[in-house]
Amino acid sequence: MLDFGFSEILLTSAIALVVLGPERLPKVARQVGNWMGRARVMARQLSEQLEREVSAEELLKEQSTPKPPAANRIAPPPAPYVSPPAGAAGADPHAAPHAEYNPPTTVPTTTPSND
């Protein structure tokens, strides 16, 4: 914004002290600070308002451009369904097993003999 160096600020402060005096200088400095704060707020509000207006205008232009009717649009084909393998996360535990599923065989148990 404004580019003031240390020497310019020091010179301006010395002149203000001489012209205004030590009694009025704090009050004037506070008032100038309030004005600068208000100016910053107003500048920020103005830039936000301009951004809103530009985005609203772009949206209005986008809405006013004609689009092809829905009948002329081609929908993509649906994706084929692939069932998850048994035991996978999200698989139905009650679903019929796959063809490659081999249930475990039972091993006959023998009773120990007392010979």
C-alpha atoms as a PDB file:
ATOM      1  CA  MET A   1       0.000   0.000   0.000  1.00  0.00           C
ATOM      2  CA  LEU A   2       2.005   2.987   1.229  1.00  0.00           C
ATOM      3  CA  ASP A   3       5.719   2.496   1.659  1.00  0.00           C
ATOM      4  CA  PHE A   4       6.992   4.478   4.628  1.00  0.00           C
ATOM      5  CA  GLY A   5      10.444   3.951   6.033  1.00  0.00           C
ATOM      6  CA  PHE A   6      11.514   4.418   9.631  1.00  0.00           C
ATOM      7  CA  SER A   7      12.940   7.871   8.958  1.00  0.00           C
ATOM      8  CA  GLU A   8       9.690   9.150   7.423  1.00  0.00           C
ATOM      9  CA  ILE A   9       7.648   7.870  10.382  1.00  0.00           C
ATOM     10  CA  LEU A  10      10.078   9.427  12.859  1.00  0.00           C
ATOM     11  CA  LEU A  11      10.003  12.792  11.069  1.00  0.00           C
ATOM     12  CA  THR A  12       6.192  12.792  10.864  1.00  0.00           C
ATOM     13  CA  SER A  13       5.918  11.921  14.576  1.00  0.00           C
ATOM     14  CA  ALA A  14       8.290  14.747  15.538  1.00  0.00           C
ATOM     15  CA  ILE A  15       6.341  17.283  13.443  1.00  0.00           C
ATOM     16  CA  ALA A  16       3.027  16.058  14.931  1.00  0.00           C
ATOM     17  CA  LEU A  17       4.423  16.390  18.453  1.00  0.00           C
ATOM     18  CA  VAL A  18       5.555  19.960  17.791  1.00  0.00           C
ATOM     19  CA  VAL A  19       2.309  21.025  16.069  1.00  0.00           C
ATOM     20  CA  LEU A  20      -0.238  19.249  18.306  1.00  0.00           C
ATOM     21  CA  GLY A  21       1.609  19.217  21.616  1.00  0.00           C
ATOM     22  CA  PRO A  22       1.895  16.358  24.093  1.00  0.00           C
ATOM     23  CA  GLU A  23      -1.684  16.803  25.385  1.00  0.00           C
ATOM     24  CA  ARG A  24      -3.563  16.458  22.085  1.00  0.00           C
ATOM     25  CA  LEU A  25      -1.227  14.005  20.303  1.00  0.00           C
ATOM     26  CA  PRO A  26      -2.557  10.773  21.953  1.00  0.00           C
ATOM     27  CA  LYS A  27      -6.175  11.736  21.248  1.00  0.00           C
ATOM     28  CA  VAL A  28      -5.424  12.562  17.593  1.00  0.00           C
ATOM     29  CA  ALA A  29      -3.356   9.385  17.151  1.00  0.00           C
ATOM     30  CA  ARG A  30      -6.243   7.297  18.540  1.00  0.00           C
ATOM     31  CA  GLN A  31      -8.704   9.024  16.227  1.00  0.00           C
ATOM     32  CA  VAL A  32      -6.455   8.493  13.180  1.00  0.00           C
ATOM     33  CA  GLY A  33      -6.106   4.807  14.161  1.00  0.00           C
ATOM     34  CA  ASN A  34      -9.892   4.435  14.341  1.00  0.00           C
ATOM     35  CA  TRP A  35     -10.272   6.042  10.916  1.00  0.00           C
ATOM     36  CA  MET A  36      -7.661   3.729   9.430  1.00  0.00           C
ATOM     37  CA  GLY A  37      -9.422   0.700  10.948  1.00  0.00           C
ATOM     38  CA  ARG A  38     -12.736   1.803   9.486  1.00  0.00           C
ATOM     39  CA  ALA A  39     -11.117   2.382   6.097  1.00  0.00           C
ATOM     40  CA  ARG A  40      -9.649  -1.143   6.128  1.00  0.00           C
ATOM     41  CA  VAL A  41     -13.025  -2.660   7.035  1.00  0.00           C
ATOM     42  CA  MET A  42     -14.742  -0.709   4.261  1.00  0.00           C
ATOM     43  CA  ALA A  43     -12.081  -1.756   1.734  1.00  0.00           C
ATOM     44  CA  ARG A  44     -12.467  -5.413   2.726  1.00  0.00           C
ATOM     45  CA  GLN A  45     -16.267  -5.201   2.489  1.00  0.00           C
ATOM     46  CA  LEU A  46     -15.989  -3.566  -0.925  1.00  0.00           C
ATOM     47  CA  SER A  47     -13.688  -6.286  -2.260  1.00  0.00           C
ATOM     48  CA  GLU A  48     -15.958  -9.034  -0.863  1.00  0.00           C
ATOM     49  CA  GLN A  49     -18.992  -7.387  -2.471  1.00  0.00           C
ATOM     50  CA  LEU A  50     -17.189  -7.140  -5.815  1.00  0.00           C
ATOM     51  CA  GLU A  51     -16.225 -10.831  -5.618  1.00  0.00           C
ATOM     52  CA  ARG A  52     -19.842 -11.786  -4.872  1.00  0.00           C
ATOM     53  CA  GLU A  53     -21.080  -9.709  -7.797  1.00  0.00           C
ATOM     54  CA  VAL A  54     -18.571 -11.265 -10.184  1.00  0.00           C
ATOM     55  CA  SER A  55     -19.403 -14.819  -9.073  1.00  0.00           C
ATOM     56  CA  ALA A  56     -23.143 -14.083  -9.339  1.00  0.00           C
ATOM     57  CA  GLU A  57     -22.642 -12.723 -12.847  1.00  0.00           C
ATOM     58  CA  GLU A  58     -20.638 -15.810 -13.858  1.00  0.00           C
ATOM     59  CA  LEU A  59     -23.345 -18.071 -12.430  1.00  0.00           C
ATOM     60  CA  LEU A  60     -26.005 -16.141 -14.331  1.00  0.00           C
ATOM     61  CA  LYS A  61     -24.046 -16.514 -17.585  1.00  0.00           C
ATOM     62  CA  GLU A  62     -23.590 -20.224 -16.939  1.00  0.00           C
ATOM     63  CA  GLN A  63     -27.311 -20.700 -16.316  1.00  0.00           C
ATOM     64  CA  SER A  64     -28.318 -18.692 -19.382  1.00  0.00           C
ATOM     65  CA  THR A  65     -26.247 -20.765 -21.838  1.00  0.00           C
ATOM     66  CA  PRO A  66     -28.452 -23.392 -23.519  1.00  0.00           C
ATOM     67  CA  LYS A  67     -27.664 -27.010 -22.734  1.00  0.00           C
ATOM     68  CA  PRO A  68     -28.519 -29.951 -24.988  1.00  0.00           C
ATOM     69  CA  PRO A  69     -31.760 -31.715 -24.076  1.00  0.00           C
ATOM     70  CA  ALA A  70     -31.548 -34.789 -21.895  1.00  0.00           C
ATOM     71  CA  ALA A  71     -32.751 -37.005 -24.760  1.00  0.00           C
ATOM     72  CA  ASN A  72     -29.591 -36.237 -26.756  1.00  0.00           C
ATOM     73  CA  ARG A  73     -27.272 -37.170 -23.918  1.00  0.00           C
ATOM     74  CA  ILE A  74     -25.955 -40.706 -23.933  1.00  0.00           C
ATOM     75  CA  ALA A  75     -25.812 -42.393 -20.564  1.00  0.00           C
ATOM     76  CA  PRO A  76     -22.860 -44.658 -19.868  1.00  0.00           C
ATOM     77  CA  PRO A  77     -23.631 -48.380 -19.650  1.00  0.00           C
ATOM     78  CA  PRO A  78     -24.075 -49.776 -16.151  1.00  0.00           C
ATOM     79  CA  ALA A  79     -21.109 -51.526 -14.600  1.00  0.00           C
ATOM     80  CA  PRO A  80     -21.379 -55.333 -14.369  1.00  0.00           C
ATOM     81  CA  TYR A  81     -21.978 -56.779 -10.907  1.00  0.00           C
ATOM     82  CA  VAL A  82     -19.157 -58.858  -9.496  1.00  0.00           C
ATOM     83  CA  SER A  83     -19.902 -60.650  -6.263  1.00  0.00           C
ATOM     84  CA  PRO A  84     -17.146 -60.676  -3.650  1.00  0.00           C
ATOM     85  CA  PRO A  85     -15.499 -64.010  -2.876  1.00  0.00           C
ATOM     86  CA  ALA A  86     -16.671 -65.921   0.190  1.00  0.00           C
ATOM     87  CA  GLY A  87     -14.916 -64.805   3.335  1.00  0.00           C
ATOM     88  CA  ALA A  88     -14.008 -61.409   1.898  1.00  0.00           C
ATOM     89  CA  ALA A  89     -14.874 -58.227   3.747  1.00  0.00           C
ATOM     90  CA  GLY A  90     -18.461 -57.322   2.977  1.00  0.00           C
ATOM     91  CA  ALA A  91     -19.348 -60.795   1.638  1.00  0.00           C
ATOM     92  CA  ASP A  92     -22.621 -62.353   2.737  1.00  0.00           C
ATOM     93  CA  PRO A  93     -21.786 -65.229   5.149  1.00  0.00           C
ATOM     94  CA  HIS A  94     -25.109 -66.948   4.322  1.00  0.00           C
ATOM     95  CA  ALA A  95     -24.602 -66.903   0.564  1.00  0.00           C
ATOM     96  CA  ALA A  96     -24.087 -70.126  -1.365  1.00  0.00           C
ATOM     97  CA  PRO A  97     -20.422 -71.127  -1.630  1.00  0.00           C
ATOM     98  CA  HIS A  98     -18.511 -70.632  -4.866  1.00  0.00           C
ATOM     99  CA  ALA A  99     -17.819 -73.585  -7.164  1.00  0.00           C
ATOM    100  CA  GLU A 100     -14.180 -73.773  -6.113  1.00  0.00           C
ATOM    101  CA  TYR A 101     -15.113 -74.024  -2.456  1.00  0.00           C
ATOM    102  CA  ASN A 102     -14.255 -77.427  -0.968  1.00  0.00           C
ATOM    103  CA  PRO A 103     -15.720 -78.076   2.471  1.00  0.00           C
ATOM    104  CA  PRO A 104     -13.348 -79.694   4.944  1.00  0.00           C
ATOM    105  CA  THR A 105     -13.586 -83.433   5.247  1.00  0.00           C
ATOM    106  CA  THR A 106     -14.254 -85.020   8.601  1.00  0.00           C
ATOM    107  CA  VAL A 107     -11.668 -87.353  10.057  1.00  0.00           C
ATOM    108  CA  PRO A 108     -13.074 -90.484  11.673  1.00  0.00           C
ATOM    109  CA  THR A 109     -12.241 -90.686  15.303  1.00  0.00           C
ATOM    110  CA  THR A 110     -11.212 -93.923  16.968  1.00  0.00           C
ATOM    111  CA  THR A 111     -11.802 -94.839  20.533  1.00  0.00           C
ATOM    112  CA  PRO A 112      -8.811 -95.935  22.503  1.00  0.00           C
ATOM    113  CA  SER A 113      -8.752 -99.627  23.223  1.00  0.00           C
ATOM    114  CA  ASN A 114      -8.030-101.054  26.626  1.00  0.00           C
ATOM    115  CA  ASP A 115      -5.758-103.978  25.625  1.00  0.00           C
END
